[in-house]
PDB file of all heavy atoms in Angstrom:
ATOM      1  N   PHE A   1     190.152 124.446 153.575  1.00  0.00           N
ATOM      2  CA  PHE A   1     189.277 124.097 154.695  1.00  0.00           C
ATOM      3  C   PHE A   1     188.689 125.329 155.377  1.00  0.00           C
ATOM      4  O   PHE A   1     188.265 125.252 156.527  1.00  0.00           O
ATOM      5  CB  PHE A   1     190.044 123.263 155.724  1.00  0.00           C
ATOM      6  CG  PHE A   1     190.108 121.797 155.406  1.00  0.00           C
ATOM      7  CD1 PHE A   1     191.188 121.275 154.714  1.00  0.00           C
ATOM      8  CD2 PHE A   1     189.080 120.941 155.779  1.00  0.00           C
ATOM      9  CE1 PHE A   1     191.256 119.927 154.415  1.00  0.00           C
ATOM     10  CE2 PHE A   1     189.137 119.594 155.484  1.00  0.00           C
ATOM     11  CZ  PHE A   1     190.222 119.081 154.798  1.00  0.00           C
ATOM     12  N   SER A   2     188.643 126.460 154.706  1.00  0.00           N
ATOM     13  CA  SER A   2     188.171 127.683 155.366  1.00  0.00           C
ATOM     14  C   SER A   2     186.728 127.565 155.840  1.00  0.00           C
ATOM     15  O   SER A   2     186.398 128.015 156.946  1.00  0.00           O
ATOM     16  CB  SER A   2     188.324 128.896 154.439  1.00  0.00           C
ATOM     17  OG  SER A   2     187.507 128.758 153.281  1.00  0.00           O
ATOM     18  N   LEU A   3     185.867 126.943 155.044  1.00  0.00           N
ATOM     19  CA  LEU A   3     184.465 126.823 155.455  1.00  0.00           C
ATOM     20  C   LEU A   3     184.292 125.770 156.538  1.00  0.00           C
ATOM     21  O   LEU A   3     183.625 126.009 157.552  1.00  0.00           O
ATOM     22  CB  LEU A   3     183.577 126.489 154.252  1.00  0.00           C
ATOM     23  CG  LEU A   3     183.419 127.588 153.205  1.00  0.00           C
ATOM     24  CD1 LEU A   3     182.365 127.182 152.184  1.00  0.00           C
ATOM     25  CD2 LEU A   3     183.062 128.913 153.837  1.00  0.00           C
ATOM     26  N   TYR A   4     184.873 124.598 156.342  1.00  0.00           N
ATOM     27  CA  TYR A   4     184.744 123.535 157.341  1.00  0.00           C
ATOM     28  C   TYR A   4     185.381 123.962 158.663  1.00  0.00           C
ATOM     29  O   TYR A   4     184.772 123.829 159.732  1.00  0.00           O
ATOM     30  CB  TYR A   4     185.400 122.257 156.831  1.00  0.00           C
ATOM     31  CG  TYR A   4     185.297 121.102 157.807  1.00  0.00           C
ATOM     32  CD1 TYR A   4     184.089 120.457 158.011  1.00  0.00           C
ATOM     33  CD2 TYR A   4     186.414 120.664 158.512  1.00  0.00           C
ATOM     34  CE1 TYR A   4     183.980 119.399 158.914  1.00  0.00           C
ATOM     35  CE2 TYR A   4     186.325 119.602 159.408  1.00  0.00           C
ATOM     36  CZ  TYR A   4     185.104 118.979 159.606  1.00  0.00           C
ATOM     37  OH  TYR A   4     185.009 117.933 160.497  1.00  0.00           O
ATOM     38  N   GLY A   5     186.602 124.484 158.591  1.00  0.00           N
ATOM     39  CA  GLY A   5     187.290 124.885 159.813  1.00  0.00           C
ATOM     40  C   GLY A   5     186.568 125.991 160.557  1.00  0.00           C
ATOM     41  O   GLY A   5     186.437 125.957 161.785  1.00  0.00           O
ATOM     42  N   SER A   6     186.070 126.979 159.833  1.00  0.00           N
ATOM     43  CA  SER A   6     185.379 128.090 160.503  1.00  0.00           C
ATOM     44  C   SER A   6     184.020 127.655 161.040  1.00  0.00           C
ATOM     45  O   SER A   6     183.551 128.165 162.065  1.00  0.00           O
ATOM     46  CB  SER A   6     185.219 129.281 159.551  1.00  0.00           C
ATOM     47  OG  SER A   6     184.482 128.926 158.397  1.00  0.00           O
ATOM     48  N   SER A   7     183.379 126.683 160.383  1.00  0.00           N
ATOM     49  CA  SER A   7     182.100 126.188 160.905  1.00  0.00           C
ATOM     50  C   SER A   7     182.301 125.430 162.215  1.00  0.00           C
ATOM     51  O   SER A   7     181.473 125.510 163.127  1.00  0.00           O
ATOM     52  CB  SER A   7     181.401 125.292 159.875  1.00  0.00           C
ATOM     53  OG  SER A   7     182.071 124.054 159.702  1.00  0.00           O
ATOM     54  N   LYS A   8     183.408 124.703 162.322  1.00  0.00           N
ATOM     55  CA  LYS A   8     183.715 123.996 163.569  1.00  0.00           C
ATOM     56  C   LYS A   8     184.161 124.981 164.654  1.00  0.00           C
ATOM     57  O   LYS A   8     183.877 124.776 165.850  1.00  0.00           O
ATOM     58  CB  LYS A   8     184.801 122.948 163.327  1.00  0.00           C
ATOM     59  CG  LYS A   8     184.326 121.762 162.495  1.00  0.00           C
ATOM     60  CD  LYS A   8     183.213 120.989 163.188  1.00  0.00           C
ATOM     61  CE  LYS A   8     182.892 119.688 162.475  1.00  0.00           C
ATOM     62  NZ  LYS A   8     181.844 118.897 163.157  1.00  0.00           N
ATOM     63  N   ALA A   9     184.841 126.053 164.253  1.00  0.00           N
ATOM     64  CA  ALA A   9     185.180 127.097 165.217  1.00  0.00           C
ATOM     65  C   ALA A   9     183.911 127.758 165.743  1.00  0.00           C
ATOM     66  O   ALA A   9     183.804 128.094 166.937  1.00  0.00           O
ATOM     67  CB  ALA A   9     186.094 128.134 164.566  1.00  0.00           C
ATOM     68  N   ALA A  10     182.935 127.933 164.864  1.00  0.00           N
ATOM     69  CA  ALA A  10     181.643 128.482 165.280  1.00  0.00           C
ATOM     70  C   ALA A  10     180.953 127.542 166.266  1.00  0.00           C
ATOM     71  O   ALA A  10     180.365 127.987 167.262  1.00  0.00           O
ATOM     72  CB  ALA A  10     180.748 128.714 164.066  1.00  0.00           C
ATOM     73  N   LEU A  11     181.029 126.240 165.996  1.00  0.00           N
ATOM     74  CA  LEU A  11     180.446 125.263 166.905  1.00  0.00           C
ATOM     75  C   LEU A  11     181.079 125.359 168.287  1.00  0.00           C
ATOM     76  O   LEU A  11     180.376 125.343 169.308  1.00  0.00           O
ATOM     77  CB  LEU A  11     180.619 123.855 166.339  1.00  0.00           C
ATOM     78  CG  LEU A  11     180.132 122.696 167.207  1.00  0.00           C
ATOM     79  CD1 LEU A  11     178.629 122.797 167.465  1.00  0.00           C
ATOM     80  CD2 LEU A  11     180.471 121.361 166.552  1.00  0.00           C
ATOM     81  N   ASP A  12     182.398 125.479 168.342  1.00  0.00           N
ATOM     82  CA  ASP A  12     183.069 125.602 169.635  1.00  0.00           C
ATOM     83  C   ASP A  12     182.678 126.902 170.339  1.00  0.00           C
ATOM     84  O   ASP A  12     182.568 126.956 171.572  1.00  0.00           O
ATOM     85  CB  ASP A  12     184.584 125.543 169.448  1.00  0.00           C
ATOM     86  CG  ASP A  12     185.065 124.154 169.046  1.00  0.00           C
ATOM     87  OD1 ASP A  12     184.327 123.183 169.291  1.00  0.00           O
ATOM     88  OD2 ASP A  12     186.166 124.042 168.480  1.00  0.00           O
ATOM     89  N   GLY A  13     182.460 127.953 169.564  1.00  0.00           N
ATOM     90  CA  GLY A  13     181.988 129.210 170.152  1.00  0.00           C
ATOM     91  C   GLY A  13     180.595 129.065 170.739  1.00  0.00           C
ATOM     92  O   GLY A  13     180.302 129.610 171.814  1.00  0.00           O
ATOM     93  N   ILE A  14     179.745 128.337 170.067  1.00  0.00           N
ATOM     94  CA  ILE A  14     178.404 128.054 170.591  1.00  0.00           C
ATOM     95  C   ILE A  14     178.507 127.302 171.906  1.00  0.00           C
ATOM     96  O   ILE A  14     177.804 127.607 172.876  1.00  0.00           O
ATOM     97  CB  ILE A  14     177.596 127.240 169.553  1.00  0.00           C
ATOM     98  CG1 ILE A  14     177.232 128.123 168.353  1.00  0.00           C
ATOM     99  CG2 ILE A  14     176.327 126.654 170.178  1.00  0.00           C
ATOM    100  CD1 ILE A  14     176.683 127.357 167.169  1.00  0.00           C
ATOM    101  N   VAL A  15     179.390 126.309 171.951  1.00  0.00           N
ATOM    102  CA  VAL A  15     179.577 125.517 173.170  1.00  0.00           C
ATOM    103  C   VAL A  15     179.971 126.408 174.339  1.00  0.00           C
ATOM    104  O   VAL A  15     179.397 126.319 175.429  1.00  0.00           O
ATOM    105  CB  VAL A  15     180.651 124.425 172.932  1.00  0.00           C
ATOM    106  CG1 VAL A  15     181.109 123.814 174.259  1.00  0.00           C
ATOM    107  CG2 VAL A  15     180.108 123.335 172.017  1.00  0.00           C
ATOM    108  N   ARG A  16     180.961 127.265 174.129  1.00  0.00           N
ATOM    109  CA  ARG A  16     181.442 128.109 175.229  1.00  0.00           C
ATOM    110  C   ARG A  16     180.354 129.061 175.733  1.00  0.00           C
ATOM    111  O   ARG A  16     180.172 129.237 176.950  1.00  0.00           O
ATOM    112  CB  ARG A  16     182.668 128.904 174.783  1.00  0.00           C
ATOM    113  CG  ARG A  16     183.924 128.052 174.630  1.00  0.00           C
ATOM    114  CD  ARG A  16     185.149 128.923 174.403  1.00  0.00           C
ATOM    115  NE  ARG A  16     185.114 129.576 173.108  1.00  0.00           N
ATOM    116  CZ  ARG A  16     185.629 129.064 171.983  1.00  0.00           C
ATOM    117  NH1 ARG A  16     186.198 127.862 172.017  1.00  0.00           N
ATOM    118  NH2 ARG A  16     185.582 129.732 170.852  1.00  0.00           N
ATOM    119  N   ASN A  17     179.654 129.671 174.808  1.00  0.00           N
ATOM    120  CA  ASN A  17     178.658 130.660 175.211  1.00  0.00           C
ATOM    121  C   ASN A  17     177.414 130.037 175.826  1.00  0.00           C
ATOM    122  O   ASN A  17     176.887 130.527 176.827  1.00  0.00           O
ATOM    123  CB  ASN A  17     178.293 131.537 174.012  1.00  0.00           C
ATOM    124  CG  ASN A  17     179.393 132.521 173.673  1.00  0.00           C
ATOM    125  OD1 ASN A  17     179.495 133.580 174.283  1.00  0.00           O
ATOM    126  ND2 ASN A  17     180.230 132.174 172.711  1.00  0.00           N
ATOM    127  N   LEU A  18     176.927 128.941 175.255  1.00  0.00           N
ATOM    128  CA  LEU A  18     175.758 128.290 175.840  1.00  0.00           C
ATOM    129  C   LEU A  18     176.089 127.623 177.165  1.00  0.00           C
ATOM    130  O   LEU A  18     175.229 127.505 178.046  1.00  0.00           O
ATOM    131  CB  LEU A  18     175.182 127.262 174.860  1.00  0.00           C
ATOM    132  CG  LEU A  18     174.498 127.817 173.607  1.00  0.00           C
ATOM    133  CD1 LEU A  18     173.864 126.685 172.808  1.00  0.00           C
ATOM    134  CD2 LEU A  18     173.446 128.866 173.962  1.00  0.00           C
ATOM    135  N   ALA A  19     177.337 127.187 177.330  1.00  0.00           N
ATOM    136  CA  ALA A  19     177.743 126.607 178.606  1.00  0.00           C
ATOM    137  C   ALA A  19     177.567 127.607 179.737  1.00  0.00           C
ATOM    138  O   ALA A  19     177.131 127.253 180.842  1.00  0.00           O
ATOM    139  CB  ALA A  19     179.197 126.139 178.537  1.00  0.00           C
ATOM    140  N   VAL A  20     177.882 128.864 179.447  1.00  0.00           N
ATOM    141  CA  VAL A  20     177.708 129.920 180.452  1.00  0.00           C
ATOM    142  C   VAL A  20     176.225 130.240 180.643  1.00  0.00           C
ATOM    143  O   VAL A  20     175.720 130.338 181.767  1.00  0.00           O
ATOM    144  CB  VAL A  20     178.474 131.191 180.034  1.00  0.00           C
ATOM    145  CG1 VAL A  20     178.182 132.330 181.002  1.00  0.00           C
ATOM    146  CG2 VAL A  20     179.967 130.923 179.975  1.00  0.00           C
ATOM    147  N   GLU A  21     175.517 130.373 179.524  1.00  0.00           N
ATOM    148  CA  GLU A  21     174.105 130.766 179.585  1.00  0.00           C
ATOM    149  C   GLU A  21     173.236 129.722 180.273  1.00  0.00           C
ATOM    150  O   GLU A  21     172.288 130.068 180.991  1.00  0.00           O
ATOM    151  CB  GLU A  21     173.590 131.014 178.170  1.00  0.00           C
ATOM    152  CG  GLU A  21     172.136 131.475 178.118  1.00  0.00           C
ATOM    153  CD  GLU A  21     171.698 131.853 176.713  1.00  0.00           C
ATOM    154  OE1 GLU A  21     172.575 132.100 175.842  1.00  0.00           O
ATOM    155  OE2 GLU A  21     170.481 131.899 176.482  1.00  0.00           O
ATOM    156  N   LEU A  22     173.535 128.448 180.078  1.00  0.00           N
ATOM    157  CA  LEU A  22     172.669 127.381 180.579  1.00  0.00           C
ATOM    158  C   LEU A  22     173.120 126.786 181.916  1.00  0.00           C
ATOM    159  O   LEU A  22     172.422 125.941 182.472  1.00  0.00           O
ATOM    160  CB  LEU A  22     172.564 126.272 179.532  1.00  0.00           C
ATOM    161  CG  LEU A  22     171.975 126.693 178.172  1.00  0.00           C
ATOM    162  CD1 LEU A  22     171.988 125.519 177.209  1.00  0.00           C
ATOM    163  CD2 LEU A  22     170.550 127.231 178.340  1.00  0.00           C
ATOM    164  N   ALA A  23     174.284 127.202 182.399  1.00  0.00           N
ATOM    165  CA  ALA A  23     174.754 126.699 183.698  1.00  0.00           C
ATOM    166  C   ALA A  23     173.863 127.247 184.820  1.00  0.00           C
ATOM    167  O   ALA A  23     173.338 128.351 184.720  1.00  0.00           O
ATOM    168  CB  ALA A  23     176.196 127.121 183.931  1.00  0.00           C
ATOM    169  N   PRO A  24     173.675 126.488 185.905  1.00  0.00           N
ATOM    170  CA  PRO A  24     174.249 125.159 186.180  1.00  0.00           C
ATOM    171  C   PRO A  24     173.347 123.994 185.743  1.00  0.00           C
ATOM    172  O   PRO A  24     173.675 122.841 185.990  1.00  0.00           O
ATOM    173  CB  PRO A  24     174.369 125.167 187.698  1.00  0.00           C
ATOM    174  CG  PRO A  24     173.167 125.956 188.135  1.00  0.00           C
ATOM    175  CD  PRO A  24     172.978 127.030 187.091  1.00  0.00           C
ATOM    176  N   ARG A  25     172.246 124.312 185.070  1.00  0.00           N
ATOM    177  CA  ARG A  25     171.277 123.272 184.717  1.00  0.00           C
ATOM    178  C   ARG A  25     171.811 122.314 183.655  1.00  0.00           C
ATOM    179  O   ARG A  25     171.564 121.106 183.714  1.00  0.00           O
ATOM    180  CB  ARG A  25     170.002 123.952 184.225  1.00  0.00           C
ATOM    181  CG  ARG A  25     168.906 122.991 183.758  1.00  0.00           C
ATOM    182  CD  ARG A  25     167.729 123.773 183.206  1.00  0.00           C
ATOM    183  NE  ARG A  25     166.868 122.932 182.376  1.00  0.00           N
ATOM    184  CZ  ARG A  25     166.027 123.397 181.462  1.00  0.00           C
ATOM    185  NH1 ARG A  25     165.935 124.704 181.253  1.00  0.00           N
ATOM    186  NH2 ARG A  25     165.279 122.588 180.751  1.00  0.00           N
ATOM    187  N   VAL A  26     172.533 122.858 182.652  1.00  0.00           N
ATOM    188  CA  VAL A  26     172.988 122.049 181.517  1.00  0.00           C
ATOM    189  C   VAL A  26     174.486 122.252 181.317  1.00  0.00           C
ATOM    190  O   VAL A  26     174.997 123.370 181.429  1.00  0.00           O
ATOM    191  CB  VAL A  26     172.246 122.459 180.223  1.00  0.00           C
ATOM    192  CG1 VAL A  26     172.770 121.662 179.035  1.00  0.00           C
ATOM    193  CG2 VAL A  26     170.746 122.275 180.380  1.00  0.00           C
ATOM    194  N   ARG A  27     175.187 121.161 181.021  1.00  0.00           N
ATOM    195  CA  ARG A  27     176.608 121.221 180.686  1.00  0.00           C
ATOM    196  C   ARG A  27     176.786 120.919 179.201  1.00  0.00           C
ATOM    197  O   ARG A  27     176.148 120.009 178.669  1.00  0.00           O
ATOM    198  CB  ARG A  27     177.414 120.201 181.502  1.00  0.00           C
ATOM    199  CG  ARG A  27     177.406 120.460 182.998  1.00  0.00           C
ATOM    200  CD  ARG A  27     178.278 119.467 183.764  1.00  0.00           C
ATOM    201  NE  ARG A  27     177.882 118.086 183.515  1.00  0.00           N
ATOM    202  CZ  ARG A  27     178.510 117.251 182.695  1.00  0.00           C
ATOM    203  NH1 ARG A  27     179.592 117.642 182.019  1.00  0.00           N
ATOM    204  NH2 ARG A  27     178.081 116.005 182.530  1.00  0.00           N
ATOM    205  N   ILE A  28     177.663 121.700 178.545  1.00  0.00           N
ATOM    206  CA  ILE A  28     177.932 121.498 177.120  1.00  0.00           C
ATOM    207  C   ILE A  28     179.440 121.563 176.888  1.00  0.00           C
ATOM    208  O   ILE A  28     180.101 122.516 177.313  1.00  0.00           O
ATOM    209  CB  ILE A  28     177.237 122.567 176.252  1.00  0.00           C
ATOM    210  CG1 ILE A  28     175.736 122.614 176.544  1.00  0.00           C
ATOM    211  CG2 ILE A  28     177.463 122.286 174.777  1.00  0.00           C
ATOM    212  CD1 ILE A  28     174.994 123.680 175.769  1.00  0.00           C
ATOM    213  N   ASN A  29     179.974 120.548 176.241  1.00  0.00           N
ATOM    214  CA  ASN A  29     181.393 120.494 175.916  1.00  0.00           C
ATOM    215  C   ASN A  29     181.567 120.008 174.484  1.00  0.00           C
ATOM    216  O   ASN A  29     180.642 119.473 173.879  1.00  0.00           O
ATOM    217  CB  ASN A  29     182.119 119.535 176.867  1.00  0.00           C
ATOM    218  CG  ASN A  29     182.099 120.019 178.304  1.00  0.00           C
ATOM    219  OD1 ASN A  29     182.838 120.924 178.676  1.00  0.00           O
ATOM    220  ND2 ASN A  29     181.223 119.428 179.120  1.00  0.00           N
ATOM    221  N   SER A  30     182.763 120.180 173.954  1.00  0.00           N
ATOM    222  CA  SER A  30     183.044 119.644 172.626  1.00  0.00           C
ATOM    223  C   SER A  30     184.332 118.827 172.648  1.00  0.00           C
ATOM    224  O   SER A  30     185.239 119.089 173.426  1.00  0.00           O
ATOM    225  CB  SER A  30     183.137 120.756 171.570  1.00  0.00           C
ATOM    226  OG  SER A  30     184.103 121.725 171.905  1.00  0.00           O
ATOM    227  N   VAL A  31     184.362 117.828 171.782  1.00  0.00           N
ATOM    228  CA  VAL A  31     185.540 116.985 171.578  1.00  0.00           C
ATOM    229  C   VAL A  31     186.077 117.282 170.190  1.00  0.00           C
ATOM    230  O   VAL A  31     185.319 117.320 169.217  1.00  0.00           O
ATOM    231  CB  VAL A  31     185.177 115.489 171.718  1.00  0.00           C
ATOM    232  CG1 VAL A  31     186.302 114.602 171.213  1.00  0.00           C
ATOM    233  CG2 VAL A  31     184.849 115.164 173.172  1.00  0.00           C
ATOM    234  N   LEU A  32     187.377 117.509 170.099  1.00  0.00           N
ATOM    235  CA  LEU A  32     188.005 117.912 168.845  1.00  0.00           C
ATOM    236  C   LEU A  32     188.924 116.795 168.340  1.00  0.00           C
ATOM    237  O   LEU A  32     190.093 116.706 168.727  1.00  0.00           O
ATOM    238  CB  LEU A  32     188.828 119.190 169.041  1.00  0.00           C
ATOM    239  CG  LEU A  32     188.089 120.529 169.144  1.00  0.00           C
ATOM    240  CD1 LEU A  32     187.053 120.539 170.253  1.00  0.00           C
ATOM    241  CD2 LEU A  32     189.071 121.664 169.316  1.00  0.00           C
ATOM    242  N   PRO A  33     188.402 115.912 167.489  1.00  0.00           N
ATOM    243  CA  PRO A  33     189.228 114.831 166.960  1.00  0.00           C
ATOM    244  C   PRO A  33     190.214 115.329 165.895  1.00  0.00           C
ATOM    245  O   PRO A  33     189.995 116.360 165.258  1.00  0.00           O
ATOM    246  CB  PRO A  33     188.215 113.873 166.323  1.00  0.00           C
ATOM    247  CG  PRO A  33     186.861 114.388 166.719  1.00  0.00           C
ATOM    248  CD  PRO A  33     187.030 115.834 167.004  1.00  0.00           C
ATOM    249  N   GLY A  34     191.269 114.538 165.716  1.00  0.00           N
ATOM    250  CA  GLY A  34     192.177 114.774 164.604  1.00  0.00           C
ATOM    251  C   GLY A  34     191.804 113.885 163.441  1.00  0.00           C
ATOM    252  O   GLY A  34     190.650 113.519 163.271  1.00  0.00           O
TER     253      GLY A  34
END
């Protein structure tokens, strides 16, 4: 799962960074299902 797992880790990184960049106008979060 190295590609799938790292791509989802990248997605979470995008969420964290854009959440800071776009605040307070836009909120971005992620849900991590099992």
